[in-house]
Amino acid sequence: MRNGTLVFQFMTMETAAKRTRENDMEKTIGIGVQDFEKIRTKGFFYIDKTSFIREWWESGADVTLITRPRRFGKTLNMSMLEKFFSNQYAGRSDLFEGLDIWKTAAYRQLQGTCPVLFLSFAGMKGKNYKIIRDSLIQVIIDLYTKYYYLTETDVLNANEKEYFEFVRPDMTDAMAAASLQRLASCMYRYYGKKVVILLDEYDTPMQEAYVYGYWDELVSFMRSLLNMTFKSNPYLDRGLLTGITRISRESIFSDLNNLDVITATTEKYEDTFGFTEQEVRGALSAFGLEASFETVKAWYDGFCFGRRADIYNPWSITKFLENKKTGTYWANTSSNDLVSKLIREGAADIKMAVEDLLLNKPIETVLDEEVVFDQLDDHTDSIWSLLLASGYLKVADVTEKEDGDRVYHLELTNLEVQKEFSRMVQRWFKNSNTRYNDFVKALLLGNVSYMNLYMNQVALQTFSFFDSGDHPSEYTEPERFYHGFVLGLIVDLRGRYVVTSNRESGFGRYDVMLEPLNQLDPAMILEFKVREPDSEDTLEDTVKAAKAQIRDKKYAENLVAKGISQGRIHSYGFAFEGKTVLIG
């Protein structure tokens, strides 16, 4: 079996069952533990993923970039590689005995024989460039401190020793960019071997820079640092970077043509990160939770890497094993600021696609897995690529077009992600202090007077909220608001209504249909229309035109065909002029 990593790794089903029977091993999960040494020495329950060591080493790639969603074991796997290759862990056979990698004599001899630089950008959080730069510099300073003993030998010359003193918080960008290469050169001179460099969560600072608006400042610094470390570094044996996204070559990898890129659609290492179904079954069995498998599958299965469509989110699996109940564990480990920003501020077609996703309908798109962050506001395809890389979407199917292009059919990954998307929409309205829930209550009661009162408050407070992107305009505001409003209806009325929207009526003439799941509830048709001054003198005229459109286009026929009588179908016209709304 190939690998399938985790944040907290487990034994395979067969190994887990055998060790439980023979050794009565304590079933302890190291929640939050991402250090391979600690997991092994503490005896935490663990799935063997060490075959990744062999697979990566034998790939022969100079530099590898692997992208996987957050909480998928990237840090733990990097820690595993460090403990295996680093000469700082020479002789630590206790960490690998009994694991797959230790079956091969050549790898038993390789363990602990390489100089290794391991650094992580996982904790890089900051609302401005200075905070992020200071954090990056501190990581570099910490590495130089760790290897300061090199200066106490006669191997380094005076200039090399002096360089250690120049690595400090106020060093220049040029010095910082060259610092990891310079440290690698010192290690090479001391150990006589080129260096393995491991960089975990390389893209965390870049995502922060996009969200908080200092992208251009950080790009230049990161491009220089990464290129000097992984491209023009004669002291590099091989390198590995992990992250959530594959940031475009033009942004920070412009000179890195020796990069082996592994994304969600790549078959290589396809079960190295995440739990396979076999591993999940084994873990549930070891904890006496076999009966929960179907529930666990619905909640946490669905991640697809390469050809493998049975990958589970490891963080949620381990939390389920600990708590013995389902929950939005993975979704709750991040603020989801970037995802929320892209959807909330996105154009109408993005919100329309999210409507389909929330209704369990796939969307179709062409994917370019190189995410160009500074183009996310203008390129819808990039947004879906980002959501796929982040784990919110999965590839349900792929269609090959005649011209050779591939069209991907994407769905929300699983029940946990669906629930998080619903909560995200609910937070939009709650955070903007609207009376949205009051409006929904008035709608269900058919109280037009209160609907007008609350809807004007909702519109006034949320128009700008849904149109706060880089290119807001009076023309796009009603469209963006409308689709945000529909998303709110889908979420708030799920379980009571099937909410669908008409996608073909054009700007300003939107049709929403609420089909009741209970025969005692009324059906509703909502028509949204922006006042046209040339043909409509007042908003009252616009309301009449909207209701006439419902009647003339016979929107109710779909409901009647499903057995809903005309008397149970309520029609409403919503007339917009700026941020003023009239309902009739």
Protein backbone atom coordinates (compact mmCIF):
# COMPACT_ATOMS: atom_id res chain seq x y z
CA MET A 1 0.00 0.00 0.00
CA ARG A 2 1.17 3.51 -0.76
CA ASN A 3 1.07 6.28 1.80
CA GLY A 4 -1.85 8.39 2.97
CA THR A 5 -0.69 10.79 5.58
CA LEU A 6 -2.32 12.63 8.36
CA VAL A 7 -1.97 15.20 10.93
CA PHE A 8 -2.10 12.39 13.44
CA GLN A 9 -1.08 9.15 11.89
CA PHE A 10 -2.41 5.70 12.52
CA MET A 11 -1.41 2.10 11.90
CA THR A 12 -2.95 0.20 8.99
CA MET A 13 -6.04 -1.82 9.80
CA GLU A 14 -4.17 -5.13 9.91
CA THR A 15 -1.31 -3.76 12.02
CA ALA A 16 -3.69 -1.94 14.37
CA ALA A 17 -5.75 -5.05 15.02
CA LYS A 18 -2.65 -7.22 15.52
CA ARG A 19 -0.98 -4.83 17.95
CA THR A 20 -4.24 -4.35 19.87
CA ARG A 21 -4.61 -8.11 20.29
CA GLU A 22 -0.99 -8.94 21.06
CA ASN A 23 0.23 -5.96 23.03
CA ASP A 24 -2.95 -4.45 24.42
CA MET A 25 -1.63 -1.08 23.28
CA GLU A 26 -3.16 1.95 24.95
CA LYS A 27 -5.45 3.73 22.48
CA THR A 28 -4.17 7.25 22.97
CA ILE A 29 -4.37 9.94 20.31
CA GLY A 30 -1.94 12.81 20.42
CA ILE A 31 -4.36 15.56 19.43
CA GLY A 32 -2.36 18.56 18.29
CA VAL A 33 0.94 16.66 18.29
CA GLN A 34 2.76 17.25 15.00
CA ASP A 35 6.21 16.09 16.09
CA PHE A 36 7.07 12.62 14.80
CA GLU A 37 9.52 11.92 17.63
CA LYS A 38 6.95 12.69 20.31
CA ILE A 39 4.30 10.52 18.67
CA ARG A 40 6.71 7.57 18.51
CA THR A 41 8.27 7.93 21.94
CA LYS A 42 4.90 8.50 23.65
CA GLY A 43 3.36 5.52 21.87
CA PHE A 44 0.44 7.46 20.39
CA PHE A 45 -1.82 5.58 18.00
CA TYR A 46 -0.25 5.95 14.58
CA ILE A 47 -0.73 4.97 10.94
CA ASP A 48 2.51 4.01 9.26
CA LYS A 49 3.26 6.45 6.45
CA THR A 50 7.01 5.96 6.28
CA SER A 51 6.86 4.56 2.75
CA PHE A 52 6.63 8.23 1.75
CA ILE A 53 10.31 8.52 2.72
CA ARG A 54 11.26 5.91 0.14
CA GLU A 55 8.91 7.20 -2.53
CA TRP A 56 10.14 10.78 -2.25
CA TRP A 57 13.82 9.89 -2.03
CA GLU A 58 13.67 7.58 -5.03
CA SER A 59 11.75 10.11 -7.14
CA GLY A 60 15.07 11.88 -7.70
CA ALA A 61 13.42 15.31 -7.89
CA ASP A 62 15.69 18.22 -6.98
CA VAL A 63 12.85 20.19 -5.40
CA THR A 64 9.30 18.99 -4.74
CA LEU A 65 6.23 21.08 -3.91
CA ILE A 66 3.28 19.18 -2.45
CA THR A 67 -0.02 20.99 -1.91
CA ARG A 68 -2.68 19.61 0.39
CA PRO A 69 -5.47 21.15 2.52
CA ARG A 70 -4.76 22.33 6.04
CA ARG A 71 -4.70 19.76 8.83
CA PHE A 72 -3.76 16.97 6.43
CA GLY A 73 -0.52 15.95 8.08
CA LYS A 74 1.93 18.08 6.12
CA THR A 75 3.80 19.19 9.23
CA LEU A 76 3.92 15.70 10.72
CA ASN A 77 5.26 14.21 7.50
CA MET A 78 7.90 16.91 7.28
CA SER A 79 8.85 16.17 10.88
CA MET A 80 9.09 12.49 9.97
CA LEU A 81 11.46 13.32 7.09
CA GLU A 82 13.59 15.49 9.35
CA LYS A 83 13.93 12.76 11.98
CA PHE A 84 14.77 10.18 9.34
CA PHE A 85 17.39 12.07 7.32
CA SER A 86 18.91 14.52 9.81
CA ASN A 87 22.31 13.68 11.26
CA GLN A 88 21.02 15.32 14.43
CA TYR A 89 19.00 12.08 14.85
CA ALA A 90 21.72 9.62 13.92
CA GLY A 91 21.27 6.31 15.69
CA ARG A 92 17.59 6.88 16.48
CA SER A 93 16.47 3.52 15.18
CA ASP A 94 13.86 3.49 17.97
CA LEU A 95 11.82 6.02 15.99
CA PHE A 96 11.50 3.75 12.94
CA GLU A 97 11.78 0.17 14.14
CA GLY A 98 8.69 -1.81 13.21
CA LEU A 99 7.68 0.67 10.51
CA ASP A 100 7.62 0.04 6.78
CA ILE A 101 10.78 2.00 5.97
CA TRP A 102 12.85 -0.07 8.41
CA LYS A 103 12.29 -3.26 6.40
CA THR A 104 14.85 -2.12 3.80
CA ALA A 105 18.53 -2.40 4.76
CA ALA A 106 19.57 0.48 2.49
CA TYR A 107 17.24 2.85 4.32
CA ARG A 108 18.34 1.61 7.73
CA GLN A 109 21.82 2.69 6.68
CA LEU A 110 20.59 6.02 5.27
CA GLN A 111 18.82 7.12 8.46
CA GLY A 112 20.52 10.00 10.25
CA THR A 113 23.21 10.64 7.63
CA CYS A 114 22.24 13.99 6.06
CA PRO A 115 22.54 17.61 7.16
CA VAL A 116 18.96 18.95 7.22
CA LEU A 117 17.44 22.41 7.45
CA PHE A 118 13.81 22.25 8.56
CA LEU A 119 11.76 25.43 8.83
CA SER A 120 8.07 26.23 8.91
CA PHE A 121 6.01 29.26 7.97
CA ALA A 122 2.85 27.75 9.49
CA GLY A 123 2.54 30.37 12.23
CA MET A 124 2.94 33.38 9.96
CA LYS A 125 -0.10 35.52 10.74
CA GLY A 126 -0.20 39.29 10.45
CA LYS A 127 -2.29 42.17 9.17
CA ASN A 128 0.65 44.09 7.72
CA TYR A 129 3.93 43.43 5.91
CA LYS A 130 6.16 44.37 8.84
CA ILE A 131 4.63 41.73 11.11
CA ILE A 132 5.08 39.00 8.51
CA ARG A 133 8.61 40.07 7.58
CA ASP A 134 9.64 40.18 11.23
CA SER A 135 8.23 36.67 11.69
CA LEU A 136 10.10 35.34 8.65
CA ILE A 137 13.35 36.91 9.83
CA GLN A 138 12.88 35.36 13.29
CA VAL A 139 12.59 31.89 11.75
CA ILE A 140 15.90 32.46 10.00
CA ILE A 141 17.53 33.79 13.20
CA ASP A 142 16.34 30.73 15.10
CA LEU A 143 17.98 28.44 12.53
CA TYR A 144 21.27 30.32 12.78
CA THR A 145 21.08 30.04 16.57
CA LYS A 146 20.53 26.30 16.30
CA TYR A 147 23.65 25.90 14.17
CA TYR A 148 25.78 28.50 15.92
CA TYR A 149 28.12 25.73 17.03
CA LEU A 150 29.51 25.73 13.49
CA THR A 151 31.29 28.99 14.30
CA GLU A 152 33.15 27.34 17.16
CA THR A 153 35.11 25.08 14.82
CA ASP A 154 38.06 25.71 12.52
CA VAL A 155 36.12 24.54 9.47
CA LEU A 156 34.51 27.92 8.71
CA ASN A 157 36.65 30.86 7.69
CA ALA A 158 36.45 34.29 9.34
CA ASN A 159 33.98 35.70 6.82
CA GLU A 160 31.62 32.77 7.26
CA LYS A 161 31.74 33.06 11.02
CA GLU A 162 31.14 36.79 10.82
CA TYR A 163 28.03 36.26 8.71
CA PHE A 164 26.34 34.64 11.72
CA GLU A 165 26.59 38.00 13.50
CA PHE A 166 24.92 39.83 10.59
CA VAL A 167 21.77 37.69 10.81
CA ARG A 168 19.60 39.84 13.03
CA PRO A 169 16.17 41.55 12.91
CA ASP A 170 17.43 44.65 11.07
CA MET A 171 19.27 42.82 8.30
CA THR A 172 18.52 43.87 4.73
CA ASP A 173 16.16 42.00 2.41
CA ALA A 174 19.13 40.98 0.26
CA MET A 175 20.92 39.47 3.24
CA ALA A 176 17.78 37.70 4.41
CA ALA A 177 17.14 36.27 0.94
CA ALA A 178 20.66 34.79 0.83
CA SER A 179 20.70 33.64 4.46
CA LEU A 180 19.46 30.06 4.00
CA GLN A 181 21.85 29.46 1.12
CA ARG A 182 24.72 30.83 3.22
CA LEU A 183 23.78 28.60 6.15
CA ALA A 184 23.61 25.61 3.79
CA SER A 185 27.12 26.45 2.57
CA CYS A 186 28.43 26.46 6.15
CA MET A 187 26.76 23.12 6.85
CA TYR A 188 28.21 21.70 3.63
CA ARG A 189 31.73 22.74 4.62
CA TYR A 190 31.31 21.31 8.12
CA TYR A 191 29.67 17.99 7.21
CA GLY A 192 31.07 17.50 3.73
CA LYS A 193 27.59 16.74 2.37
CA LYS A 194 24.99 18.81 0.60
CA VAL A 195 21.92 19.80 2.59
CA VAL A 196 18.31 18.60 2.54
CA ILE A 197 16.01 21.61 3.01
CA LEU A 198 12.42 21.16 4.19
CA LEU A 199 10.02 24.14 4.17
CA ASP A 200 6.58 23.55 5.66
CA GLU A 201 3.51 25.69 4.82
CA TYR A 202 5.44 27.96 2.49
CA ASP A 203 2.30 29.79 1.32
CA THR A 204 0.81 30.83 4.67
CA PRO A 205 2.41 34.31 4.55
CA MET A 206 1.20 34.76 0.96
CA GLN A 207 -2.41 34.03 1.86
CA GLU A 208 -2.19 36.50 4.73
CA ALA A 209 -0.74 39.10 2.35
CA TYR A 210 -3.65 38.66 -0.06
CA VAL A 211 -6.34 38.87 2.61
CA TYR A 212 -4.85 41.97 4.27
CA GLY A 213 -3.64 43.80 1.19
CA TYR A 214 0.17 43.73 1.20
CA TRP A 215 0.66 41.14 -1.56
CA ASP A 216 3.00 43.21 -3.74
CA GLU A 217 5.31 43.99 -0.81
CA LEU A 218 5.71 40.37 0.21
CA VAL A 219 5.99 38.83 -3.27
CA SER A 220 9.36 40.40 -4.01
CA PHE A 221 10.86 39.25 -0.70
CA MET A 222 9.50 35.69 -0.99
CA ARG A 223 10.59 35.32 -4.61
CA SER A 224 14.18 36.18 -3.74
CA LEU A 225 14.24 33.97 -0.63
CA LEU A 226 12.79 30.89 -2.33
CA ASN A 227 14.83 31.19 -5.50
CA MET A 228 18.15 31.60 -3.66
CA THR A 229 17.28 28.73 -1.32
CA PHE A 230 15.93 26.21 -3.82
CA LYS A 231 17.16 27.29 -7.26
CA SER A 232 20.57 28.95 -7.24
CA ASN A 233 21.86 26.99 -4.26
CA PRO A 234 24.91 24.81 -5.05
CA TYR A 235 24.78 23.35 -1.53
CA LEU A 236 21.29 21.89 -1.88
CA ASP A 237 20.99 18.12 -2.18
CA ARG A 238 17.24 18.17 -2.54
CA GLY A 239 14.34 20.18 -1.18
CA LEU A 240 10.70 19.72 -0.27
CA LEU A 241 8.06 22.40 0.21
CA THR A 242 4.51 21.88 1.41
CA GLY A 243 1.56 24.24 1.36
CA ILE A 244 -2.11 24.53 0.63
CA THR A 245 -1.84 26.23 -2.74
CA ARG A 246 0.38 26.19 -5.79
CA ILE A 247 1.12 29.88 -6.15
CA SER A 248 1.81 30.80 -9.76
CA ARG A 249 5.31 30.58 -11.17
CA GLU A 250 5.10 34.22 -12.17
CA SER A 251 4.48 35.27 -8.59
CA ILE A 252 7.28 33.62 -6.61
CA PHE A 253 8.68 30.68 -8.59
CA SER A 254 9.70 32.55 -11.73
CA ASP A 255 13.22 31.07 -11.82
CA LEU A 256 12.47 27.71 -10.24
CA ASN A 257 12.30 25.40 -13.27
CA ASN A 258 13.49 22.37 -11.30
CA LEU A 259 10.25 22.09 -9.32
CA ASP A 260 8.24 18.84 -9.22
CA VAL A 261 4.73 20.09 -8.40
CA ILE A 262 2.23 17.72 -6.76
CA THR A 263 -1.35 19.07 -6.58
CA ALA A 264 -4.73 17.56 -5.75
CA THR A 265 -5.10 16.14 -9.27
CA THR A 266 -1.59 14.61 -9.38
CA GLU A 267 -1.39 10.83 -8.96
CA LYS A 268 1.99 10.92 -7.22
CA TYR A 269 1.81 10.65 -3.39
CA GLU A 270 -1.97 10.43 -3.74
CA ASP A 271 -2.56 8.69 -0.40
CA THR A 272 0.41 10.11 1.47
CA PHE A 273 -1.67 12.91 2.99
CA GLY A 274 -5.03 11.92 4.49
CA PHE A 275 -6.51 8.64 5.66
CA THR A 276 -7.65 5.98 3.21
CA GLU A 277 -10.94 4.20 3.80
CA GLN A 278 -9.08 1.06 4.85
CA GLU A 279 -7.14 3.03 7.44
CA VAL A 280 -10.32 4.66 8.76
CA ARG A 281 -12.02 1.28 9.10
CA GLY A 282 -8.99 -0.03 10.97
CA ALA A 283 -8.93 2.95 13.32
CA LEU A 284 -12.65 2.68 14.07
CA SER A 285 -12.25 -1.05 14.70
CA ALA A 286 -9.35 -0.48 17.10
CA PHE A 287 -11.51 1.93 19.10
CA GLY A 288 -14.61 -0.26 19.02
CA LEU A 289 -16.48 2.15 16.78
CA GLU A 290 -17.08 -0.06 13.73
CA ALA A 291 -20.82 0.69 13.78
CA SER A 292 -20.11 4.38 13.15
CA PHE A 293 -18.44 3.87 9.77
CA GLU A 294 -21.31 5.00 7.51
CA THR A 295 -21.83 8.15 9.59
CA VAL A 296 -18.11 8.90 9.53
CA LYS A 297 -18.02 8.33 5.77
CA ALA A 298 -20.84 10.80 5.14
CA TRP A 299 -19.23 13.46 7.32
CA TYR A 300 -15.54 13.17 6.51
CA ASP A 301 -14.94 11.18 3.30
CA GLY A 302 -14.77 12.77 -0.13
CA PHE A 303 -11.29 14.23 -0.54
CA CYS A 304 -9.79 13.24 -3.88
CA PHE A 305 -6.07 13.18 -4.64
CA GLY A 306 -4.97 11.83 -7.99
CA ARG A 307 -6.98 8.69 -8.68
CA ARG A 308 -7.86 8.12 -5.03
CA ALA A 309 -11.40 9.18 -4.20
CA ASP A 310 -11.58 7.64 -0.75
CA ILE A 311 -9.41 10.01 1.25
CA TYR A 312 -10.66 11.16 4.65
CA ASN A 313 -9.83 14.30 6.56
CA PRO A 314 -7.45 13.05 9.28
CA TRP A 315 -8.01 15.83 11.81
CA SER A 316 -11.75 15.16 11.99
CA ILE A 317 -11.21 11.39 12.14
CA THR A 318 -8.89 11.68 15.12
CA LYS A 319 -11.26 14.11 16.85
CA PHE A 320 -14.12 11.67 16.24
CA LEU A 321 -12.08 8.85 17.75
CA GLU A 322 -11.40 11.02 20.77
CA ASN A 323 -14.92 12.43 21.24
CA LYS A 324 -16.91 9.52 19.74
CA LYS A 325 -19.31 11.95 18.06
CA THR A 326 -19.41 13.92 14.84
CA GLY A 327 -18.68 17.62 14.56
CA THR A 328 -17.25 20.24 12.22
CA TYR A 329 -13.77 19.66 13.60
CA TRP A 330 -11.72 20.38 10.47
CA ALA A 331 -13.84 23.34 9.41
CA ASN A 332 -13.49 24.90 12.86
CA THR A 333 -9.67 24.88 12.80
CA SER A 334 -9.52 27.99 10.61
CA SER A 335 -11.27 31.33 10.38
CA ASN A 336 -11.93 30.71 6.65
CA ASP A 337 -11.40 34.44 6.07
CA LEU A 338 -10.07 33.98 2.56
CA VAL A 339 -12.87 31.68 1.41
CA SER A 340 -15.52 33.95 2.91
CA LYS A 341 -13.99 37.05 1.31
CA LEU A 342 -13.82 35.49 -2.16
CA ILE A 343 -17.43 34.29 -2.15
CA ARG A 344 -19.03 37.24 -0.36
CA GLU A 345 -17.29 39.88 -2.47
CA GLY A 346 -17.36 37.82 -5.66
CA ALA A 347 -19.43 38.53 -8.74
CA ALA A 348 -22.93 37.17 -9.16
CA ASP A 349 -21.84 34.06 -11.07
CA ILE A 350 -19.71 32.99 -8.10
CA LYS A 351 -22.64 33.27 -5.71
CA MET A 352 -24.85 31.47 -8.23
CA ALA A 353 -22.36 28.60 -8.32
CA VAL A 354 -22.34 28.46 -4.51
CA GLU A 355 -26.15 28.27 -4.63
CA ASP A 356 -25.82 25.12 -6.70
CA LEU A 357 -23.17 23.69 -4.39
CA LEU A 358 -25.38 24.25 -1.34
CA LEU A 359 -28.18 22.47 -3.20
CA ASN A 360 -25.85 19.50 -3.81
CA LYS A 361 -25.53 20.29 -7.51
CA PRO A 362 -22.08 20.09 -9.16
CA ILE A 363 -20.54 23.06 -10.91
CA GLU A 364 -18.46 22.83 -14.08
CA THR A 365 -15.23 24.69 -14.64
CA VAL A 366 -11.83 24.56 -16.29
CA LEU A 367 -9.07 24.39 -13.69
CA ASP A 368 -5.68 26.01 -13.60
CA GLU A 369 -4.08 24.79 -10.39
CA GLU A 370 -1.58 27.63 -10.39
CA VAL A 371 -3.33 30.14 -8.13
CA VAL A 372 -2.67 33.74 -9.11
CA PHE A 373 -3.69 35.56 -5.94
CA ASP A 374 -3.62 39.03 -7.43
CA GLN A 375 -6.11 37.89 -10.10
CA LEU A 376 -8.61 36.18 -7.82
CA ASP A 377 -10.98 39.17 -7.97
CA ASP A 378 -11.22 38.88 -11.75
CA HIS A 379 -10.81 35.19 -12.60
CA THR A 380 -13.54 32.85 -11.41
CA ASP A 381 -11.61 29.73 -12.40
CA SER A 382 -8.83 30.68 -9.99
CA ILE A 383 -11.31 30.80 -7.12
CA TRP A 384 -12.52 27.25 -7.78
CA SER A 385 -8.91 26.08 -8.07
CA LEU A 386 -8.18 27.62 -4.69
CA LEU A 387 -11.24 26.03 -3.09
CA LEU A 388 -10.24 22.66 -4.54
CA ALA A 389 -6.70 22.98 -3.21
CA SER A 390 -8.05 24.09 0.17
CA GLY A 391 -10.24 20.99 0.47
CA TYR A 392 -13.66 22.64 0.24
CA LEU A 393 -14.39 21.14 -3.18
CA LYS A 394 -13.76 17.71 -4.68
CA VAL A 395 -13.59 16.50 -8.28
CA ALA A 396 -16.72 14.44 -8.91
CA ASP A 397 -16.05 13.87 -12.61
CA VAL A 398 -13.86 15.04 -15.50
CA THR A 399 -15.03 15.55 -19.08
CA GLU A 400 -12.58 15.62 -21.98
CA LYS A 401 -13.57 18.18 -24.63
CA GLU A 402 -12.89 17.83 -28.35
CA ASP A 403 -10.19 20.49 -28.19
CA GLY A 404 -8.39 18.52 -25.47
CA ASP A 405 -9.38 20.78 -22.58
CA ARG A 406 -10.68 19.11 -19.45
CA VAL A 407 -13.85 20.27 -17.73
CA TYR A 408 -14.01 19.44 -14.03
CA HIS A 409 -17.28 18.75 -12.22
CA LEU A 410 -16.83 19.98 -8.65
CA GLU A 411 -18.92 19.39 -5.53
CA LEU A 412 -18.68 20.30 -1.86
CA THR A 413 -16.41 17.69 -0.34
CA ASN A 414 -18.62 16.19 2.35
CA LEU A 415 -21.26 16.88 4.99
CA GLU A 416 -18.80 18.68 7.27
CA VAL A 417 -17.90 21.16 4.52
CA GLN A 418 -21.58 21.66 3.63
CA LYS A 419 -22.34 22.60 7.20
CA GLU A 420 -19.41 25.02 7.32
CA PHE A 421 -20.54 26.75 4.11
CA SER A 422 -24.00 27.15 5.60
CA ARG A 423 -22.58 28.66 8.79
CA MET A 424 -20.41 31.00 6.74
CA VAL A 425 -23.48 32.39 4.97
CA GLN A 426 -25.31 32.76 8.27
CA ARG A 427 -22.36 34.71 9.69
CA TRP A 428 -22.53 37.20 6.80
CA PHE A 429 -25.93 38.40 7.96
CA LYS A 430 -25.25 38.13 11.66
CA ASN A 431 -21.99 40.06 11.38
CA SER A 432 -23.63 42.87 9.42
CA ASN A 433 -26.25 43.49 12.14
CA THR A 434 -29.18 43.03 9.78
CA ARG A 435 -32.75 42.04 10.57
CA TYR A 436 -32.49 39.15 8.13
CA ASN A 437 -34.07 36.55 10.42
CA ASP A 438 -36.95 38.92 11.11
CA PHE A 439 -37.47 39.29 7.36
CA VAL A 440 -37.58 35.52 6.89
CA LYS A 441 -40.15 35.21 9.67
CA ALA A 442 -42.31 37.90 8.04
CA LEU A 443 -41.98 36.16 4.68
CA LEU A 444 -43.19 32.87 6.13
CA LEU A 445 -46.15 34.66 7.73
CA GLY A 446 -46.98 36.50 4.50
CA ASN A 447 -46.88 39.86 6.30
CA VAL A 448 -45.97 42.27 3.47
CA SER A 449 -45.86 45.32 5.76
CA TYR A 450 -43.22 43.79 8.00
CA MET A 451 -41.42 42.34 4.99
CA ASN A 452 -40.98 45.89 3.68
CA LEU A 453 -39.77 47.15 7.05
CA TYR A 454 -37.19 44.45 7.53
CA MET A 455 -36.11 44.16 3.91
CA ASN A 456 -35.17 47.82 3.73
CA GLN A 457 -33.04 47.42 6.83
CA VAL A 458 -31.42 44.31 5.36
CA ALA A 459 -30.74 46.01 2.04
CA LEU A 460 -29.43 49.22 3.58
CA GLN A 461 -26.95 47.42 5.82
CA THR A 462 -25.82 44.66 3.46
CA PHE A 463 -25.59 46.17 -0.03
CA SER A 464 -22.09 47.43 0.62
CA PHE A 465 -21.27 44.30 2.63
CA PHE A 466 -21.79 42.15 -0.48
CA ASP A 467 -20.14 44.65 -2.80
CA SER A 468 -16.91 45.47 -1.00
CA GLY A 469 -14.49 43.99 -3.50
CA ASP A 470 -11.91 45.81 -5.55
CA HIS A 471 -14.38 46.94 -8.20
CA PRO A 472 -17.68 47.87 -6.53
CA SER A 473 -20.22 49.80 -8.53
CA GLU A 474 -23.81 50.93 -8.35
CA TYR A 475 -24.56 48.66 -11.31
CA THR A 476 -23.31 45.47 -9.70
CA GLU A 477 -24.58 46.13 -6.17
CA PRO A 478 -28.16 44.82 -6.67
CA GLU A 479 -26.87 41.72 -8.42
CA ARG A 480 -24.30 40.89 -5.75
CA PHE A 481 -26.77 41.59 -2.97
CA TYR A 482 -29.51 39.51 -4.59
CA HIS A 483 -27.43 36.38 -4.80
CA GLY A 484 -26.11 36.81 -1.28
CA PHE A 485 -29.74 37.12 -0.18
CA VAL A 486 -30.66 33.88 -2.00
CA LEU A 487 -27.79 32.05 -0.30
CA GLY A 488 -29.22 33.21 3.02
CA LEU A 489 -32.66 31.83 2.10
CA ILE A 490 -31.17 28.48 1.09
CA VAL A 491 -29.39 28.16 4.43
CA ASP A 492 -32.14 29.51 6.70
CA LEU A 493 -34.98 27.52 5.12
CA ARG A 494 -33.16 24.25 4.51
CA GLY A 495 -35.29 21.40 5.78
CA ARG A 496 -38.49 23.36 5.24
CA TYR A 497 -38.18 24.58 1.63
CA VAL A 498 -36.30 23.76 -1.53
CA VAL A 499 -35.01 27.15 -2.68
CA THR A 500 -34.10 27.53 -6.34
CA SER A 501 -33.35 30.59 -8.45
CA ASN A 502 -33.97 31.35 -12.10
CA ARG A 503 -30.65 31.88 -13.84
CA GLU A 504 -31.90 32.92 -17.27
CA SER A 505 -34.00 36.02 -16.74
CA GLY A 506 -31.09 38.47 -16.93
CA PHE A 507 -29.96 41.40 -14.81
CA GLY A 508 -32.63 42.92 -12.61
CA ARG A 509 -35.20 40.21 -13.31
CA TYR A 510 -34.40 37.49 -10.85
CA ASP A 511 -36.80 34.72 -9.97
CA VAL A 512 -36.69 32.78 -6.69
CA MET A 513 -38.92 29.80 -6.06
CA LEU A 514 -39.56 28.33 -2.63
CA GLU A 515 -41.05 24.86 -2.85
CA PRO A 516 -42.42 23.67 0.52
CA LEU A 517 -41.47 20.24 1.86
CA ASN A 518 -44.54 20.34 4.16
CA GLN A 519 -47.95 20.47 2.51
CA LEU A 520 -49.18 22.91 5.15
CA ASP A 521 -46.64 25.58 4.14
CA PRO A 522 -47.28 27.92 1.22
CA ALA A 523 -45.11 27.96 -1.89
CA MET A 524 -43.59 31.29 -2.85
CA ILE A 525 -42.28 32.98 -5.97
CA LEU A 526 -40.10 36.07 -5.51
CA GLU A 527 -39.26 38.27 -8.49
CA PHE A 528 -36.48 40.87 -8.10
CA LYS A 529 -36.49 43.85 -10.43
CA VAL A 530 -34.42 47.03 -10.59
CA ARG A 531 -36.54 50.05 -11.52
CA GLU A 532 -36.15 51.16 -15.12
CA PRO A 533 -36.70 54.95 -15.12
CA ASP A 534 -37.58 55.04 -18.83
CA SER A 535 -40.60 52.78 -18.42
CA GLU A 536 -41.45 52.83 -14.70
CA ASP A 537 -42.35 56.08 -12.96
CA THR A 538 -42.33 54.71 -9.42
CA LEU A 539 -41.27 51.67 -7.45
CA GLU A 540 -44.94 50.70 -7.34
CA ASP A 541 -44.82 50.39 -11.13
CA THR A 542 -41.74 48.19 -10.81
CA VAL A 543 -43.52 45.92 -8.31
CA LYS A 544 -46.45 45.58 -10.73
CA ALA A 545 -44.06 44.75 -13.56
CA ALA A 546 -42.34 42.10 -11.44
CA LYS A 547 -45.64 40.44 -10.52
CA ALA A 548 -46.81 40.64 -14.13
CA GLN A 549 -43.63 38.84 -15.16
CA ILE A 550 -44.40 36.04 -12.69
CA ARG A 551 -47.88 35.75 -14.16
CA ASP A 552 -46.99 36.14 -17.85
CA LYS A 553 -44.07 33.71 -17.75
CA LYS A 554 -46.21 31.23 -15.82
CA TYR A 555 -43.61 30.53 -13.20
CA ALA A 556 -46.24 28.86 -11.01
CA GLU A 557 -46.79 26.00 -13.45
CA ASN A 558 -43.79 24.08 -12.12
CA LEU A 559 -45.31 24.16 -8.66
CA VAL A 560 -48.80 23.26 -9.85
CA ALA A 561 -47.38 20.29 -11.75
CA LYS A 562 -46.04 19.03 -8.42
CA GLY A 563 -49.51 19.07 -6.87
CA ILE A 564 -49.43 22.49 -5.20
CA SER A 565 -52.70 24.35 -5.65
CA GLN A 566 -52.80 27.94 -6.92
CA GLY A 567 -54.21 29.04 -3.57
CA ARG A 568 -51.02 27.91 -1.80
CA ILE A 569 -48.72 29.82 -4.16
CA HIS A 570 -47.82 33.34 -3.01
CA SER A 571 -46.15 35.72 -5.47
CA TYR A 572 -44.09 38.76 -4.46
CA GLY A 573 -42.47 41.47 -6.51
CA PHE A 574 -39.30 43.09 -5.09
CA ALA A 575 -38.54 46.48 -6.61
CA PHE A 576 -35.07 48.02 -6.13
CA GLU A 577 -33.88 51.57 -6.60
CA GLY A 578 -30.42 52.11 -5.13
CA LYS A 579 -30.67 50.80 -1.58
CA THR A 580 -34.44 51.26 -1.35
CA VAL A 581 -36.71 48.24 -1.69
CA LEU A 582 -40.48 47.96 -2.13
CA ILE A 583 -42.25 44.61 -1.84
CA GLY A 584 -45.75 43.96 -3.08
